[in-house]
Amino acid sequence: MANALDIPVTAEGVETQRQAEILRDSGSDQLQGYLVGKPMSANEIHEKLLRDGVAP
């Protein structure tokens, strides 16, 4: 339904590649969960952005 209304669909809690494949085939636009990345504190996120050259 969301896809028919041009609303992006984010699947949460994705832990395996198989889940990701099923969700992508079902129309999910974005994925989040342990497969994509572990939870991080604000400080860890900031440090990662600095390392990746994304934050000033």
PDB file of N, CA and C in Angstrom:
ATOM      1  N   MET A   1       0.815  -1.179   0.000  1.00  0.00           N
ATOM      2  CA  MET A   1       0.000   0.000   0.000  1.00  0.00           C
ATOM      3  C   MET A   1       0.868   1.255   0.000  1.00  0.00           C
ATOM      4  N   ALA A   2       1.912   1.255   0.847  1.00  0.00           N
ATOM      5  CA  ALA A   2       2.796   2.428   0.904  1.00  0.00           C
ATOM      6  C   ALA A   2       3.452   2.670  -0.451  1.00  0.00           C
ATOM      7  N   ASN A   3       3.901   1.597  -1.093  1.00  0.00           N
ATOM      8  CA  ASN A   3       4.524   1.754  -2.415  1.00  0.00           C
ATOM      9  C   ASN A   3       3.551   2.354  -3.423  1.00  0.00           C
ATOM     10  N   ALA A   4       2.293   1.958  -3.364  1.00  0.00           N
ATOM     11  CA  ALA A   4       1.288   2.491  -4.281  1.00  0.00           C
ATOM     12  C   ALA A   4       1.068   3.985  -4.059  1.00  0.00           C
ATOM     13  N   LEU A   5       1.335   4.437  -2.828  1.00  0.00           N
ATOM     14  CA  LEU A   5       1.175   5.856  -2.489  1.00  0.00           C
ATOM     15  C   LEU A   5       2.492   6.624  -2.572  1.00  0.00           C
ATOM     16  N   ASP A   6       3.533   5.996  -3.101  1.00  0.00           N
ATOM     17  CA  ASP A   6       4.877   6.581  -3.196  1.00  0.00           C
ATOM     18  C   ASP A   6       5.436   6.985  -1.841  1.00  0.00           C
ATOM     19  N   ILE A   7       5.148   6.188  -0.825  1.00  0.00           N
ATOM     20  CA  ILE A   7       5.702   6.391   0.511  1.00  0.00           C
ATOM     21  C   ILE A   7       6.835   5.382   0.693  1.00  0.00           C
ATOM     22  N   PRO A   8       8.041   5.835   1.022  1.00  0.00           N
ATOM     23  CA  PRO A   8       9.147   4.904   1.221  1.00  0.00           C
ATOM     24  C   PRO A   8       8.859   3.926   2.370  1.00  0.00           C
ATOM     25  N   VAL A   9       9.272   2.688   2.186  1.00  0.00           N
ATOM     26  CA  VAL A   9       9.056   1.640   3.182  1.00  0.00           C
ATOM     27  C   VAL A   9      10.402   1.243   3.783  1.00  0.00           C
ATOM     28  N   THR A  10      10.511   1.316   5.116  1.00  0.00           N
ATOM     29  CA  THR A  10      11.714   0.899   5.825  1.00  0.00           C
ATOM     30  C   THR A  10      11.391  -0.339   6.649  1.00  0.00           C
ATOM     31  N   ALA A  11      12.112  -1.421   6.418  1.00  0.00           N
ATOM     32  CA  ALA A  11      11.945  -2.648   7.197  1.00  0.00           C
ATOM     33  C   ALA A  11      12.913  -2.595   8.378  1.00  0.00           C
ATOM     34  N   GLU A  12      12.390  -2.821   9.574  1.00  0.00           N
ATOM     35  CA  GLU A  12      13.198  -2.766  10.790  1.00  0.00           C
ATOM     36  C   GLU A  12      13.487  -4.165  11.314  1.00  0.00           C
ATOM     37  N   GLY A  13      14.583  -4.296  12.054  1.00  0.00           N
ATOM     38  CA  GLY A  13      14.909  -5.551  12.716  1.00  0.00           C
ATOM     39  C   GLY A  13      15.465  -6.618  11.796  1.00  0.00           C
ATOM     40  N   VAL A  14      16.082  -6.226  10.702  1.00  0.00           N
ATOM     41  CA  VAL A  14      16.615  -7.183   9.732  1.00  0.00           C
ATOM     42  C   VAL A  14      17.943  -7.734  10.251  1.00  0.00           C
ATOM     43  N   GLU A  15      17.993  -9.064  10.403  1.00  0.00           N
ATOM     44  CA  GLU A  15      19.187  -9.690  10.978  1.00  0.00           C
ATOM     45  C   GLU A  15      19.922 -10.619  10.030  1.00  0.00           C
ATOM     46  N   THR A  16      19.264 -11.106   8.987  1.00  0.00           N
ATOM     47  CA  THR A  16      19.916 -12.057   8.085  1.00  0.00           C
ATOM     48  C   THR A  16      19.796 -11.592   6.636  1.00  0.00           C
ATOM     49  N   GLN A  17      20.700 -12.103   5.815  1.00  0.00           N
ATOM     50  CA  GLN A  17      20.672 -11.778   4.391  1.00  0.00           C
ATOM     51  C   GLN A  17      19.383 -12.296   3.758  1.00  0.00           C
ATOM     52  N   ARG A  18      18.915 -13.445   4.186  1.00  0.00           N
ATOM     53  CA  ARG A  18      17.671 -14.007   3.643  1.00  0.00           C
ATOM     54  C   ARG A  18      16.486 -13.084   3.934  1.00  0.00           C
ATOM     55  N   GLN A  19      16.417 -12.558   5.163  1.00  0.00           N
ATOM     56  CA  GLN A  19      15.352 -11.607   5.488  1.00  0.00           C
ATOM     57  C   GLN A  19      15.439 -10.390   4.573  1.00  0.00           C
ATOM     58  N   ALA A  20      16.650  -9.901   4.359  1.00  0.00           N
ATOM     59  CA  ALA A  20      16.844  -8.728   3.502  1.00  0.00           C
ATOM     60  C   ALA A  20      16.351  -9.008   2.085  1.00  0.00           C
ATOM     61  N   GLU A  21      16.657 -10.180   1.558  1.00  0.00           N
ATOM     62  CA  GLU A  21      16.218 -10.541   0.207  1.00  0.00           C
ATOM     63  C   GLU A  21      14.696 -10.587   0.117  1.00  0.00           C
ATOM     64  N   ILE A  22      14.057 -11.206   1.103  1.00  0.00           N
ATOM     65  CA  ILE A  22      12.590 -11.312   1.103  1.00  0.00           C
ATOM     66  C   ILE A  22      11.969  -9.921   1.178  1.00  0.00           C
ATOM     67  N   LEU A  23      12.504  -9.082   2.039  1.00  0.00           N
ATOM     68  CA  LEU A  23      11.951  -7.737   2.207  1.00  0.00           C
ATOM     69  C   LEU A  23      12.160  -6.881   0.963  1.00  0.00           C
ATOM     70  N   ARG A  24      13.329  -6.981   0.344  1.00  0.00           N
ATOM     71  CA  ARG A  24      13.574  -6.232  -0.897  1.00  0.00           C
ATOM     72  C   ARG A  24      12.610  -6.702  -2.001  1.00  0.00           C
ATOM     73  N   ASP A  25      12.435  -8.037  -2.099  1.00  0.00           N
ATOM     74  CA  ASP A  25      11.516  -8.583  -3.100  1.00  0.00           C
ATOM     75  C   ASP A  25      10.068  -8.175  -2.825  1.00  0.00           C
ATOM     76  N   SER A  26       9.769  -7.867  -1.563  1.00  0.00           N
ATOM     77  CA  SER A  26       8.411  -7.463  -1.180  1.00  0.00           C
ATOM     78  C   SER A  26       8.183  -5.960  -1.321  1.00  0.00           C
ATOM     79  N   GLY A  27       9.232  -5.218  -1.710  1.00  0.00           N
ATOM     80  CA  GLY A  27       9.054  -3.796  -1.959  1.00  0.00           C
ATOM     81  C   GLY A  27       9.626  -2.852  -0.927  1.00  0.00           C
ATOM     82  N   SER A  28      10.366  -3.369   0.060  1.00  0.00           N
ATOM     83  CA  SER A  28      10.994  -2.467   1.035  1.00  0.00           C
ATOM     84  C   SER A  28      12.071  -1.637   0.344  1.00  0.00           C
ATOM     85  N   ASP A  29      12.088  -0.344   0.635  1.00  0.00           N
ATOM     86  CA  ASP A  29      13.064   0.553   0.031  1.00  0.00           C
ATOM     87  C   ASP A  29      14.350   0.631   0.840  1.00  0.00           C
ATOM     88  N   GLN A  30      14.230   0.497   2.164  1.00  0.00           N
ATOM     89  CA  GLN A  30      15.378   0.620   3.057  1.00  0.00           C
ATOM     90  C   GLN A  30      15.296  -0.467   4.124  1.00  0.00           C
ATOM     91  N   LEU A  31      16.457  -0.831   4.650  1.00  0.00           N
ATOM     92  CA  LEU A  31      16.531  -1.829   5.711  1.00  0.00           C
ATOM     93  C   LEU A  31      17.301  -1.251   6.884  1.00  0.00           C
ATOM     94  N   GLN A  32      16.922  -1.683   8.085  1.00  0.00           N
ATOM     95  CA  GLN A  32      17.744  -1.367   9.244  1.00  0.00           C
ATOM     96  C   GLN A  32      17.701  -2.552  10.188  1.00  0.00           C
ATOM     97  N   GLY A  33      18.765  -2.721  10.943  1.00  0.00           N
ATOM     98  CA  GLY A  33      18.876  -3.844  11.869  1.00  0.00           C
ATOM     99  C   GLY A  33      20.325  -4.279  11.970  1.00  0.00           C
ATOM    100  N   TYR A  34      20.553  -5.352  12.704  1.00  0.00           N
ATOM    101  CA  TYR A  34      21.914  -5.825  12.942  1.00  0.00           C
ATOM    102  C   TYR A  34      22.654  -6.200  11.665  1.00  0.00           C
ATOM    103  N   LEU A  35      21.918  -6.585  10.624  1.00  0.00           N
ATOM    104  CA  LEU A  35      22.574  -6.915   9.352  1.00  0.00           C
ATOM    105  C   LEU A  35      23.281  -5.690   8.789  1.00  0.00           C
ATOM    106  N   VAL A  36      22.671  -4.533   8.975  1.00  0.00           N
ATOM    107  CA  VAL A  36      23.212  -3.285   8.429  1.00  0.00           C
ATOM    108  C   VAL A  36      24.249  -2.671   9.369  1.00  0.00           C
ATOM    109  N   GLY A  37      24.005  -2.718  10.665  1.00  0.00           N
ATOM    110  CA  GLY A  37      24.945  -2.154  11.632  1.00  0.00           C
ATOM    111  C   GLY A  37      24.438  -2.305  13.047  1.00  0.00           C
ATOM    112  N   LYS A  38      25.364  -2.450  13.967  1.00  0.00           N
ATOM    113  CA  LYS A  38      24.998  -2.603  15.374  1.00  0.00           C
ATOM    114  C   LYS A  38      24.617  -1.242  15.962  1.00  0.00           C
ATOM    115  N   PRO A  39      23.830  -1.260  17.044  1.00  0.00           N
ATOM    116  CA  PRO A  39      23.504  -0.003  17.697  1.00  0.00           C
ATOM    117  C   PRO A  39      24.779   0.687  18.200  1.00  0.00           C
ATOM    118  N   MET A  40      24.814   2.013  18.112  1.00  0.00           N
ATOM    119  CA  MET A  40      25.976   2.780  18.555  1.00  0.00           C
ATOM    120  C   MET A  40      25.531   3.964  19.400  1.00  0.00           C
ATOM    121  N   SER A  41      26.401   4.354  20.304  1.00  0.00           N
ATOM    122  CA  SER A  41      26.139   5.557  21.090  1.00  0.00           C
ATOM    123  C   SER A  41      26.363   6.779  20.196  1.00  0.00           C
ATOM    124  N   ALA A  42      25.896   7.927  20.653  1.00  0.00           N
ATOM    125  CA  ALA A  42      26.093   9.161  19.886  1.00  0.00           C
ATOM    126  C   ALA A  42      27.572   9.421  19.663  1.00  0.00           C
ATOM    127  N   ASN A  43      28.386   9.152  20.648  1.00  0.00           N
ATOM    128  CA  ASN A  43      29.829   9.370  20.537  1.00  0.00           C
ATOM    129  C   ASN A  43      30.442   8.444  19.487  1.00  0.00           C
ATOM    130  N   GLU A  44      30.018   7.178  19.478  1.00  0.00           N
ATOM    131  CA  GLU A  44      30.519   6.229  18.474  1.00  0.00           C
ATOM    132  C   GLU A  44      30.118   6.657  17.063  1.00  0.00           C
ATOM    133  N   ILE A  45      28.894   7.137  16.917  1.00  0.00           N
ATOM    134  CA  ILE A  45      28.430   7.604  15.601  1.00  0.00           C
ATOM    135  C   ILE A  45      29.264   8.791  15.151  1.00  0.00           C
ATOM    136  N   HIS A  46      29.504   9.737  16.065  1.00  0.00           N
ATOM    137  CA  HIS A  46      30.296  10.915  15.724  1.00  0.00           C
ATOM    138  C   HIS A  46      31.707  10.514  15.287  1.00  0.00           C
ATOM    139  N   GLU A  47      32.326   9.612  16.023  1.00  0.00           N
ATOM    140  CA  GLU A  47      33.677   9.148  15.683  1.00  0.00           C
ATOM    141  C   GLU A  47      33.687   8.463  14.312  1.00  0.00           C
ATOM    142  N   LYS A  48      32.666   7.662  14.028  1.00  0.00           N
ATOM    143  CA  LYS A  48      32.588   6.994  12.725  1.00  0.00           C
ATOM    144  C   LYS A  48      32.430   8.005  11.602  1.00  0.00           C
ATOM    145  N   LEU A  49      31.586   9.007  11.793  1.00  0.00           N
ATOM    146  CA  LEU A  49      31.401  10.037  10.772  1.00  0.00           C
ATOM    147  C   LEU A  49      32.699  10.807  10.536  1.00  0.00           C
ATOM    148  N   LEU A  50      33.450  11.061  11.607  1.00  0.00           N
ATOM    149  CA  LEU A  50      34.745  11.738  11.455  1.00  0.00           C
ATOM    150  C   LEU A  50      35.710  10.874  10.643  1.00  0.00           C
ATOM    151  N   ARG A  51      35.772   9.581  10.977  1.00  0.00           N
ATOM    152  CA  ARG A  51      36.650   8.642  10.255  1.00  0.00           C
ATOM    153  C   ARG A  51      36.267   8.536   8.784  1.00  0.00           C
ATOM    154  N   ASP A  52      34.964   8.550   8.520  1.00  0.00           N
ATOM    155  CA  ASP A  52      34.481   8.418   7.144  1.00  0.00           C
ATOM    156  C   ASP A  52      34.527   9.726   6.369  1.00  0.00           C
ATOM    157  N   GLY A  53      34.931  10.803   7.032  1.00  0.00           N
ATOM    158  CA  GLY A  53      35.037  12.095   6.367  1.00  0.00           C
ATOM    159  C   GLY A  53      33.692  12.757   6.097  1.00  0.00           C
ATOM    160  N   VAL A  54      32.669  12.367   6.842  1.00  0.00           N
ATOM    161  CA  VAL A  54      31.328  12.912   6.638  1.00  0.00           C
ATOM    162  C   VAL A  54      31.078  14.111   7.559  1.00  0.00           C
ATOM    163  N   ALA A  55      31.669  14.077   8.761  1.00  0.00           N
ATOM    164  CA  ALA A  55      31.483  15.175   9.721  1.00  0.00           C
ATOM    165  C   ALA A  55      32.717  16.062   9.732  1.00  0.00           C
ATOM    166  N   PRO A  56      32.510  17.356   9.956  1.00  0.00           N
ATOM    167  CA  PRO A  56      33.670  18.280  10.000  1.00  0.00           C
ATOM    168  C   PRO A  56      34.485  18.088  11.259  1.00  0.00           C
TER     169      PRO A  56
END
